[in-house]
């Protein structure tokens, strides 16, 4: 996965690694994932911009400087929005949790559903109103994705009740799920409007299966679906539904026929079935 390689000199599972994953994933929206994580590594490996991954330094550095330094290696794309998200998340961890996301997780009892709820609910005063502590990190896609990265990339094995954490649905997970027929039928409209159906389908589909020595959870399906979409399902003909890779694809025998066309944030689905 794009996030699998830590920056040079960063030990897997260290606080530096956890902060690298946490802050980078907080701006993982409408971006090419490989470009995002490569920019994050370059930013961390540059002594002049490494401070961006240190919550205390983010608190002490003027926003204008953070704005400029996030641009240096292409880490920010929507520069103002990304700067606000990045700095707010970092400062929230600094002011409330000693600059260590693990303290926040511990306060949530390392319980996956509680973490997701607190990401959405925790707030701080800002300009006479209550503002979210964790903008975008609190999102329906990024929150579960963060938990998966903490488990799979940082090796955090204390998280519990992950069977109640939904799969982080993006365009890739959606496309692969539709092409596999996990969600099928006839539909035309906003892609986001069927995300909940995809989450529910995978929550039900993994029940009763094992992943090594433990019960499988929906988060286990995220990585293979992401790769399947990028390497295969994205090449299906949008009009006929034909896939040029079906005969050689390991999942080809599971794919459904019919039309699955995703254009930006809209989808046309005509695969038959319920």
C-alpha atoms as a PDB file:
ATOM      1  CA  UNK A   1       0.000   0.000   0.000  1.00  0.00           C
ATOM      2  CA  UNK A   2       1.167   3.615  -0.524  1.00  0.00           C
ATOM      3  CA  UNK A   3       1.514   4.104   3.225  1.00  0.00           C
ATOM      4  CA  UNK A   4       3.473   0.918   3.904  1.00  0.00           C
ATOM      5  CA  UNK A   5       6.983   2.421   3.812  1.00  0.00           C
ATOM      6  CA  UNK A   6       7.891   4.717   6.727  1.00  0.00           C
ATOM      7  CA  UNK A   7      10.237   7.670   6.171  1.00  0.00           C
ATOM      8  CA  UNK A   8      13.944   6.948   6.366  1.00  0.00           C
ATOM      9  CA  UNK A   9      15.107   6.543   9.953  1.00  0.00           C
ATOM     10  CA  UNK A  10      11.616   6.098  11.414  1.00  0.00           C
ATOM     11  CA  UNK A  11      11.045   2.904  13.375  1.00  0.00           C
ATOM     12  CA  UNK A  12       7.804   1.050  12.677  1.00  0.00           C
ATOM     13  CA  UNK A  13       5.379   1.510  15.571  1.00  0.00           C
ATOM     14  CA  UNK A  14       7.270   4.408  17.148  1.00  0.00           C
ATOM     15  CA  UNK A  15       5.543   7.635  18.128  1.00  0.00           C
ATOM     16  CA  UNK A  16       7.194   9.253  15.096  1.00  0.00           C
ATOM     17  CA  UNK A  17       5.655   6.606  12.850  1.00  0.00           C
ATOM     18  CA  UNK A  18       2.217   6.944  14.434  1.00  0.00           C
ATOM     19  CA  UNK A  19       2.287  10.729  13.989  1.00  0.00           C
ATOM     20  CA  UNK A  20       3.466  10.320  10.385  1.00  0.00           C
ATOM     21  CA  UNK A  21       0.511   8.017   9.638  1.00  0.00           C
ATOM     22  CA  UNK A  22      -1.996  10.095  11.601  1.00  0.00           C
ATOM     23  CA  UNK A  23      -1.254  13.501  10.135  1.00  0.00           C
ATOM     24  CA  UNK A  24      -0.811  12.264   6.564  1.00  0.00           C
ATOM     25  CA  UNK A  25      -4.024  10.277   6.495  1.00  0.00           C
ATOM     26  CA  UNK A  26      -5.904  13.321   7.809  1.00  0.00           C
ATOM     27  CA  UNK A  27      -5.558  14.931   4.347  1.00  0.00           C
ATOM     28  CA  UNK A  28      -6.108  11.710   2.366  1.00  0.00           C
ATOM     29  CA  UNK A  29      -9.100  12.971   0.376  1.00  0.00           C
ATOM     30  CA  UNK A  30      -9.461  13.534  -3.367  1.00  0.00           C
ATOM     31  CA  UNK A  31      -5.772  12.722  -3.786  1.00  0.00           C
ATOM     32  CA  UNK A  32      -3.642  10.170  -5.583  1.00  0.00           C
ATOM     33  CA  UNK A  33      -2.584   8.014  -2.650  1.00  0.00           C
ATOM     34  CA  UNK A  34       0.877   7.167  -3.970  1.00  0.00           C
ATOM     35  CA  UNK A  35       1.686  10.831  -4.600  1.00  0.00           C
ATOM     36  CA  UNK A  36       0.367  11.839  -1.161  1.00  0.00           C
ATOM     37  CA  UNK A  37       2.452   9.356   0.795  1.00  0.00           C
ATOM     38  CA  UNK A  38       5.561   9.942  -1.295  1.00  0.00           C
ATOM     39  CA  UNK A  39       5.254  13.686  -0.630  1.00  0.00           C
ATOM     40  CA  UNK A  40       4.800  12.951   3.073  1.00  0.00           C
ATOM     41  CA  UNK A  41       7.989  10.877   3.148  1.00  0.00           C
ATOM     42  CA  UNK A  42       9.969  13.618   1.377  1.00  0.00           C
ATOM     43  CA  UNK A  43       8.578  16.186   3.819  1.00  0.00           C
ATOM     44  CA  UNK A  44       9.531  14.091   6.839  1.00  0.00           C
ATOM     45  CA  UNK A  45      13.009  13.318   5.493  1.00  0.00           C
ATOM     46  CA  UNK A  46      13.733  17.031   4.918  1.00  0.00           C
ATOM     47  CA  UNK A  47      15.210  18.483   8.156  1.00  0.00           C
ATOM     48  CA  UNK A  48      13.590  21.844   7.393  1.00  0.00           C
ATOM     49  CA  UNK A  49      10.057  20.447   7.206  1.00  0.00           C
ATOM     50  CA  UNK A  50      10.210  17.485   9.604  1.00  0.00           C
ATOM     51  CA  UNK A  51       8.704  19.659  12.336  1.00  0.00           C
ATOM     52  CA  UNK A  52       5.364  19.401  10.532  1.00  0.00           C
ATOM     53  CA  UNK A  53       4.983  15.950  12.099  1.00  0.00           C
ATOM     54  CA  UNK A  54       5.606  17.223  15.649  1.00  0.00           C
ATOM     55  CA  UNK A  55       2.451  18.484  17.425  1.00  0.00           C
ATOM     56  CA  UNK A  56       4.302  20.858  19.743  1.00  0.00           C
ATOM     57  CA  UNK A  57       6.143  22.461  16.820  1.00  0.00           C
ATOM     58  CA  UNK A  58       2.876  22.836  14.910  1.00  0.00           C
ATOM     59  CA  UNK A  59       1.452  24.705  17.896  1.00  0.00           C
ATOM     60  CA  UNK A  60       4.478  27.011  18.097  1.00  0.00           C
ATOM     61  CA  UNK A  61       4.843  27.698  14.358  1.00  0.00           C
ATOM     62  CA  UNK A  62       2.782  30.436  12.667  1.00  0.00           C
ATOM     63  CA  UNK A  63       0.133  29.203  10.291  1.00  0.00           C
ATOM     64  CA  UNK A  64       1.706  31.050   7.366  1.00  0.00           C
ATOM     65  CA  UNK A  65       4.928  29.071   7.820  1.00  0.00           C
ATOM     66  CA  UNK A  66       3.050  25.771   8.049  1.00  0.00           C
ATOM     67  CA  UNK A  67       1.163  26.764   4.902  1.00  0.00           C
ATOM     68  CA  UNK A  68       4.414  27.374   3.016  1.00  0.00           C
ATOM     69  CA  UNK A  69       6.198  24.266   4.275  1.00  0.00           C
ATOM     70  CA  UNK A  70       3.315  21.908   3.449  1.00  0.00           C
ATOM     71  CA  UNK A  71       3.678  23.088  -0.147  1.00  0.00           C
ATOM     72  CA  UNK A  72       7.458  22.563  -0.356  1.00  0.00           C
ATOM     73  CA  UNK A  73       7.315  18.866  -1.331  1.00  0.00           C
ATOM     74  CA  UNK A  74       3.753  18.879  -2.627  1.00  0.00           C
ATOM     75  CA  UNK A  75       2.218  17.534   0.576  1.00  0.00           C
ATOM     76  CA  UNK A  76      -0.681  19.969   0.440  1.00  0.00           C
ATOM     77  CA  UNK A  77      -2.847  20.332  -2.674  1.00  0.00           C
ATOM     78  CA  UNK A  78      -5.817  22.294  -1.376  1.00  0.00           C
ATOM     79  CA  UNK A  79      -3.349  24.496   0.421  1.00  0.00           C
ATOM     80  CA  UNK A  80      -5.545  26.511   2.811  1.00  0.00           C
ATOM     81  CA  UNK A  81      -7.854  23.617   3.670  1.00  0.00           C
ATOM     82  CA  UNK A  82      -4.999  21.143   4.091  1.00  0.00           C
ATOM     83  CA  UNK A  83      -3.094  23.569   6.313  1.00  0.00           C
ATOM     84  CA  UNK A  84      -6.109  24.097   8.557  1.00  0.00           C
ATOM     85  CA  UNK A  85      -6.773  20.355   8.811  1.00  0.00           C
ATOM     86  CA  UNK A  86      -3.149  19.430   9.447  1.00  0.00           C
ATOM     87  CA  UNK A  87      -2.479  22.111  12.025  1.00  0.00           C
ATOM     88  CA  UNK A  88      -5.788  21.592  13.858  1.00  0.00           C
ATOM     89  CA  UNK A  89      -5.273  17.831  14.186  1.00  0.00           C
ATOM     90  CA  UNK A  90      -1.682  18.281  15.371  1.00  0.00           C
ATOM     91  CA  UNK A  91      -2.527  21.009  17.867  1.00  0.00           C
ATOM     92  CA  UNK A  92      -5.492  19.020  19.223  1.00  0.00           C
ATOM     93  CA  UNK A  93      -3.201  16.099  19.985  1.00  0.00           C
ATOM     94  CA  UNK A  94      -0.674  18.484  21.554  1.00  0.00           C
ATOM     95  CA  UNK A  95      -3.060  20.416  23.783  1.00  0.00           C
ATOM     96  CA  UNK A  96      -5.252  17.525  24.891  1.00  0.00           C
ATOM     97  CA  UNK A  97      -3.137  14.395  24.575  1.00  0.00           C
ATOM     98  CA  UNK A  98       0.480  15.404  25.139  1.00  0.00           C
ATOM     99  CA  UNK A  99       1.270  15.185  21.443  1.00  0.00           C
ATOM    100  CA  UNK A 100       0.713  11.400  21.458  1.00  0.00           C
ATOM    101  CA  UNK A 101      -2.327   9.882  19.679  1.00  0.00           C
ATOM    102  CA  UNK A 102      -1.896   6.775  21.833  1.00  0.00           C
ATOM    103  CA  UNK A 103      -3.040   8.797  24.854  1.00  0.00           C
ATOM    104  CA  UNK A 104      -6.267   9.602  23.005  1.00  0.00           C
ATOM    105  CA  UNK A 105      -6.705   5.936  22.084  1.00  0.00           C
ATOM    106  CA  UNK A 106      -6.139   4.913  25.700  1.00  0.00           C
ATOM    107  CA  UNK A 107      -8.765   7.414  26.860  1.00  0.00           C
ATOM    108  CA  UNK A 108     -11.138   5.673  24.429  1.00  0.00           C
ATOM    109  CA  UNK A 109     -10.252   2.329  26.009  1.00  0.00           C
ATOM    110  CA  UNK A 110      -8.673   1.314  22.674  1.00  0.00           C
ATOM    111  CA  UNK A 111     -12.245   0.498  21.633  1.00  0.00           C
ATOM    112  CA  UNK A 112     -12.629   0.970  17.867  1.00  0.00           C
ATOM    113  CA  UNK A 113     -16.245   2.241  17.836  1.00  0.00           C
ATOM    114  CA  UNK A 114     -15.514   4.599  20.739  1.00  0.00           C
ATOM    115  CA  UNK A 115     -12.514   6.017  18.879  1.00  0.00           C
ATOM    116  CA  UNK A 116     -14.691   6.735  15.827  1.00  0.00           C
ATOM    117  CA  UNK A 117     -17.362   8.365  17.987  1.00  0.00           C
ATOM    118  CA  UNK A 118     -14.860  10.537  19.828  1.00  0.00           C
ATOM    119  CA  UNK A 119     -13.193  11.606  16.577  1.00  0.00           C
ATOM    120  CA  UNK A 120     -16.566  13.008  15.546  1.00  0.00           C
ATOM    121  CA  UNK A 121     -17.611  14.459  18.910  1.00  0.00           C
ATOM    122  CA  UNK A 122     -14.487  15.953  20.514  1.00  0.00           C
ATOM    123  CA  UNK A 123     -14.369  19.730  20.084  1.00  0.00           C
ATOM    124  CA  UNK A 124     -12.613  22.878  21.226  1.00  0.00           C
ATOM    125  CA  UNK A 125     -13.553  26.590  21.406  1.00  0.00           C
ATOM    126  CA  UNK A 126     -12.628  28.546  18.295  1.00  0.00           C
ATOM    127  CA  UNK A 127     -13.726  32.083  17.400  1.00  0.00           C
ATOM    128  CA  UNK A 128     -16.747  31.944  19.667  1.00  0.00           C
ATOM    129  CA  UNK A 129     -17.958  28.515  18.556  1.00  0.00           C
ATOM    130  CA  UNK A 130     -17.145  24.834  19.028  1.00  0.00           C
ATOM    131  CA  UNK A 131     -14.889  23.413  16.311  1.00  0.00           C
ATOM    132  CA  UNK A 132     -13.968  19.751  15.701  1.00  0.00           C
ATOM    133  CA  UNK A 133     -10.676  18.576  17.173  1.00  0.00           C
ATOM    134  CA  UNK A 134     -10.080  16.220  14.261  1.00  0.00           C
ATOM    135  CA  UNK A 135     -11.361  17.629  10.946  1.00  0.00           C
ATOM    136  CA  UNK A 136     -11.399  14.989   8.185  1.00  0.00           C
ATOM    137  CA  UNK A 137      -9.720  12.442  10.487  1.00  0.00           C
ATOM    138  CA  UNK A 138     -13.253  12.145  11.861  1.00  0.00           C
ATOM    139  CA  UNK A 139     -14.716  11.253   8.456  1.00  0.00           C
ATOM    140  CA  UNK A 140     -16.549   8.034   7.608  1.00  0.00           C
ATOM    141  CA  UNK A 141     -13.695   6.946   5.348  1.00  0.00           C
ATOM    142  CA  UNK A 142     -10.613   8.348   7.079  1.00  0.00           C
ATOM    143  CA  UNK A 143     -11.504   7.379  10.667  1.00  0.00           C
ATOM    144  CA  UNK A 144     -11.730   3.628   9.934  1.00  0.00           C
ATOM    145  CA  UNK A 145      -8.749   3.912   7.576  1.00  0.00           C
ATOM    146  CA  UNK A 146      -6.682   5.431  10.389  1.00  0.00           C
ATOM    147  CA  UNK A 147      -7.559   2.509  12.667  1.00  0.00           C
ATOM    148  CA  UNK A 148      -6.564   0.004   9.975  1.00  0.00           C
ATOM    149  CA  UNK A 149      -3.224   1.776   9.486  1.00  0.00           C
ATOM    150  CA  UNK A 150      -2.566   1.816  13.228  1.00  0.00           C
ATOM    151  CA  UNK A 151      -3.203  -1.928  13.312  1.00  0.00           C
ATOM    152  CA  UNK A 152      -1.541  -3.003  10.067  1.00  0.00           C
ATOM    153  CA  UNK A 153       1.223  -0.431   9.589  1.00  0.00           C
ATOM    154  CA  UNK A 154       2.121   0.633  13.120  1.00  0.00           C
ATOM    155  CA  UNK A 155       1.480  -2.821  14.608  1.00  0.00           C
ATOM    156  CA  UNK A 156      -0.826  -1.486  17.327  1.00  0.00           C
ATOM    157  CA  UNK A 157      -2.409  -4.657  18.696  1.00  0.00           C
ATOM    158  CA  UNK A 158      -4.421  -3.132  21.543  1.00  0.00           C
ATOM    159  CA  UNK A 159      -7.405  -1.985  19.462  1.00  0.00           C
ATOM    160  CA  UNK A 160     -10.587  -3.930  20.199  1.00  0.00           C
ATOM    161  CA  UNK A 161     -14.052  -4.476  18.708  1.00  0.00           C
ATOM    162  CA  UNK A 162     -12.788  -3.849  15.190  1.00  0.00           C
ATOM    163  CA  UNK A 163     -15.602  -6.076  13.933  1.00  0.00           C
ATOM    164  CA  UNK A 164     -17.833  -3.070  14.620  1.00  0.00           C
ATOM    165  CA  UNK A 165     -15.656  -0.700  12.584  1.00  0.00           C
ATOM    166  CA  UNK A 166     -16.953  -0.265   9.017  1.00  0.00           C
ATOM    167  CA  UNK A 167     -14.788  -0.726   5.951  1.00  0.00           C
ATOM    168  CA  UNK A 168     -13.391   2.654   4.787  1.00  0.00           C
ATOM    169  CA  UNK A 169     -15.192   3.114   1.480  1.00  0.00           C
ATOM    170  CA  UNK A 170     -13.627   5.214  -1.262  1.00  0.00           C
ATOM    171  CA  UNK A 171     -13.943   5.064  -5.049  1.00  0.00           C
ATOM    172  CA  UNK A 172     -11.674   1.991  -5.240  1.00  0.00           C
ATOM    173  CA  UNK A 173     -13.455  -0.046  -2.572  1.00  0.00           C
ATOM    174  CA  UNK A 174     -16.781   0.971  -4.123  1.00  0.00           C
ATOM    175  CA  UNK A 175     -15.759   0.007  -7.670  1.00  0.00           C
ATOM    176  CA  UNK A 176     -14.366  -3.390  -6.667  1.00  0.00           C
ATOM    177  CA  UNK A 177     -17.417  -4.139  -4.508  1.00  0.00           C
ATOM    178  CA  UNK A 178     -19.775  -3.343  -7.368  1.00  0.00           C
ATOM    179  CA  UNK A 179     -17.777  -5.323  -9.933  1.00  0.00           C
ATOM    180  CA  UNK A 180     -17.720  -8.324  -7.590  1.00  0.00           C
ATOM    181  CA  UNK A 181     -21.482  -8.092  -7.186  1.00  0.00           C
ATOM    182  CA  UNK A 182     -21.310  -7.641  -3.421  1.00  0.00           C
ATOM    183  CA  UNK A 183     -23.783  -4.824  -4.046  1.00  0.00           C
ATOM    184  CA  UNK A 184     -25.754  -5.166  -7.247  1.00  0.00           C
ATOM    185  CA  UNK A 185     -28.886  -3.868  -8.892  1.00  0.00           C
ATOM    186  CA  UNK A 186     -29.860  -0.853 -10.985  1.00  0.00           C
ATOM    187  CA  UNK A 187     -28.867   2.614  -9.851  1.00  0.00           C
ATOM    188  CA  UNK A 188     -27.760   5.960 -11.209  1.00  0.00           C
ATOM    189  CA  UNK A 189     -26.706   8.828  -8.989  1.00  0.00           C
ATOM    190  CA  UNK A 190     -24.166   9.999  -6.430  1.00  0.00           C
ATOM    191  CA  UNK A 191     -21.528   7.420  -5.579  1.00  0.00           C
ATOM    192  CA  UNK A 192     -21.571   8.396  -1.899  1.00  0.00           C
ATOM    193  CA  UNK A 193     -25.251   7.479  -1.657  1.00  0.00           C
ATOM    194  CA  UNK A 194     -24.449   3.763  -1.911  1.00  0.00           C
ATOM    195  CA  UNK A 195     -21.459   3.792   0.465  1.00  0.00           C
ATOM    196  CA  UNK A 196     -23.610   2.698   3.396  1.00  0.00           C
ATOM    197  CA  UNK A 197     -24.940  -0.288   1.430  1.00  0.00           C
ATOM    198  CA  UNK A 198     -21.333  -1.292   0.694  1.00  0.00           C
ATOM    199  CA  UNK A 199     -20.365  -0.967   4.359  1.00  0.00           C
ATOM    200  CA  UNK A 200     -23.297  -3.115   5.448  1.00  0.00           C
ATOM    201  CA  UNK A 201     -22.632  -5.713   2.758  1.00  0.00           C
ATOM    202  CA  UNK A 202     -19.025  -6.251   3.829  1.00  0.00           C
ATOM    203  CA  UNK A 203     -19.896  -6.264   7.539  1.00  0.00           C
ATOM    204  CA  UNK A 204     -22.235  -9.170   6.813  1.00  0.00           C
ATOM    205  CA  UNK A 205     -20.010 -10.925   4.264  1.00  0.00           C
ATOM    206  CA  UNK A 206     -16.994 -11.492   6.536  1.00  0.00           C
ATOM    207  CA  UNK A 207     -18.942 -13.063   9.394  1.00  0.00           C
ATOM    208  CA  UNK A 208     -17.941 -16.638  10.092  1.00  0.00           C
ATOM    209  CA  UNK A 209     -14.587 -16.405   8.296  1.00  0.00           C
ATOM    210  CA  UNK A 210     -11.104 -16.440   9.790  1.00  0.00           C
ATOM    211  CA  UNK A 211      -8.103 -14.222   9.120  1.00  0.00           C
ATOM    212  CA  UNK A 212      -5.221 -16.260  10.430  1.00  0.00           C
ATOM    213  CA  UNK A 213      -5.948 -17.074  14.058  1.00  0.00           C
ATOM    214  CA  UNK A 214      -8.765 -14.560  14.559  1.00  0.00           C
ATOM    215  CA  UNK A 215     -12.211 -13.807  13.169  1.00  0.00           C
ATOM    216  CA  UNK A 216     -12.155 -11.776   9.968  1.00  0.00           C
ATOM    217  CA  UNK A 217     -13.381  -8.177  10.094  1.00  0.00           C
ATOM    218  CA  UNK A 218     -14.406  -5.830   7.300  1.00  0.00           C
ATOM    219  CA  UNK A 219     -11.155  -3.856   7.669  1.00  0.00           C
ATOM    220  CA  UNK A 220      -9.291  -6.946   6.411  1.00  0.00           C
ATOM    221  CA  UNK A 221     -10.947  -6.538   2.997  1.00  0.00           C
ATOM    222  CA  UNK A 222      -9.931  -2.904   2.479  1.00  0.00           C
ATOM    223  CA  UNK A 223      -6.421  -3.477   1.102  1.00  0.00           C
ATOM    224  CA  UNK A 224      -7.235  -6.270  -1.399  1.00  0.00           C
ATOM    225  CA  UNK A 225     -10.259  -4.367  -2.721  1.00  0.00           C
ATOM    226  CA  UNK A 226      -8.176  -1.207  -3.160  1.00  0.00           C
ATOM    227  CA  UNK A 227      -5.573  -3.086  -5.183  1.00  0.00           C
ATOM    228  CA  UNK A 228      -8.209  -4.976  -7.170  1.00  0.00           C
ATOM    229  CA  UNK A 229      -9.824  -1.728  -8.275  1.00  0.00           C
ATOM    230  CA  UNK A 230      -6.570  -0.002  -9.230  1.00  0.00           C
ATOM    231  CA  UNK A 231      -5.071  -3.005 -11.026  1.00  0.00           C
ATOM    232  CA  UNK A 232      -8.165  -4.536 -12.551  1.00  0.00           C
ATOM    233  CA  UNK A 233     -11.720  -3.293 -12.067  1.00  0.00           C
ATOM    234  CA  UNK A 234     -10.814   0.216 -13.201  1.00  0.00           C
ATOM    235  CA  UNK A 235     -10.184  -1.174 -16.700  1.00  0.00           C
ATOM    236  CA  UNK A 236     -13.722  -2.476 -17.248  1.00  0.00           C
ATOM    237  CA  UNK A 237     -15.465  -1.002 -20.270  1.00  0.00           C
ATOM    238  CA  UNK A 238     -17.898   1.572 -18.839  1.00  0.00           C
ATOM    239  CA  UNK A 239     -20.532   0.815 -21.478  1.00  0.00           C
ATOM    240  CA  UNK A 240     -20.433  -2.976 -21.804  1.00  0.00           C
ATOM    241  CA  UNK A 241     -18.977  -3.943 -18.434  1.00  0.00           C
ATOM    242  CA  UNK A 242     -16.438  -6.198 -20.153  1.00  0.00           C
ATOM    243  CA  UNK A 243     -13.123  -6.600 -18.309  1.00  0.00           C
ATOM    244  CA  UNK A 244     -10.022  -7.292 -20.434  1.00  0.00           C
ATOM    245  CA  UNK A 245      -8.305  -8.924 -17.444  1.00  0.00           C
ATOM    246  CA  UNK A 246     -11.106 -11.239 -16.350  1.00  0.00           C
ATOM    247  CA  UNK A 247      -9.553 -14.438 -17.750  1.00  0.00           C
ATOM    248  CA  UNK A 248      -6.324 -13.903 -15.801  1.00  0.00           C
ATOM    249  CA  UNK A 249      -7.674 -12.177 -12.689  1.00  0.00           C
ATOM    250  CA  UNK A 250      -7.814 -14.253  -9.502  1.00  0.00           C
ATOM    251  CA  UNK A 251     -11.234 -12.743  -8.792  1.00  0.00           C
ATOM    252  CA  UNK A 252     -12.536 -13.049 -12.353  1.00  0.00           C
ATOM    253  CA  UNK A 253     -14.826 -15.965 -11.562  1.00  0.00           C
ATOM    254  CA  UNK A 254     -16.609 -13.900  -8.933  1.00  0.00           C
ATOM    255  CA  UNK A 255     -17.274 -10.835 -11.089  1.00  0.00           C
ATOM    256  CA  UNK A 256     -20.752  -9.942 -12.266  1.00  0.00           C
ATOM    257  CA  UNK A 257     -21.666  -8.883 -15.762  1.00  0.00           C
ATOM    258  CA  UNK A 258     -23.472  -5.701 -16.623  1.00  0.00           C
ATOM    259  CA  UNK A 259     -22.536  -2.085 -16.443  1.00  0.00           C
ATOM    260  CA  UNK A 260     -20.506  -0.554 -13.643  1.00  0.00           C
ATOM    261  CA  UNK A 261     -19.433   2.953 -14.622  1.00  0.00           C
ATOM    262  CA  UNK A 262     -17.978   5.462 -12.192  1.00  0.00           C
ATOM    263  CA  UNK A 263     -17.303   8.978 -13.405  1.00  0.00           C
ATOM    264  CA  UNK A 264     -15.962  11.267 -10.742  1.00  0.00           C
ATOM    265  CA  UNK A 265     -18.463  11.089  -7.887  1.00  0.00           C
ATOM    266  CA  UNK A 266     -21.365   9.541  -9.838  1.00  0.00           C
ATOM    267  CA  UNK A 267     -22.095   5.928 -10.698  1.00  0.00           C
ATOM    268  CA  UNK A 268     -24.222   4.049 -13.196  1.00  0.00           C
ATOM    269  CA  UNK A 269     -24.957   0.528 -12.005  1.00  0.00           C
ATOM    270  CA  UNK A 270     -26.911  -2.077 -13.967  1.00  0.00           C
ATOM    271  CA  UNK A 271     -25.891  -5.566 -12.878  1.00  0.00           C
ATOM    272  CA  UNK A 272     -29.250  -7.180 -12.216  1.00  0.00           C
ATOM    273  CA  UNK A 273     -30.177  -8.880  -8.980  1.00  0.00           C
ATOM    274  CA  UNK A 274     -31.508  -7.312  -5.771  1.00  0.00           C
END
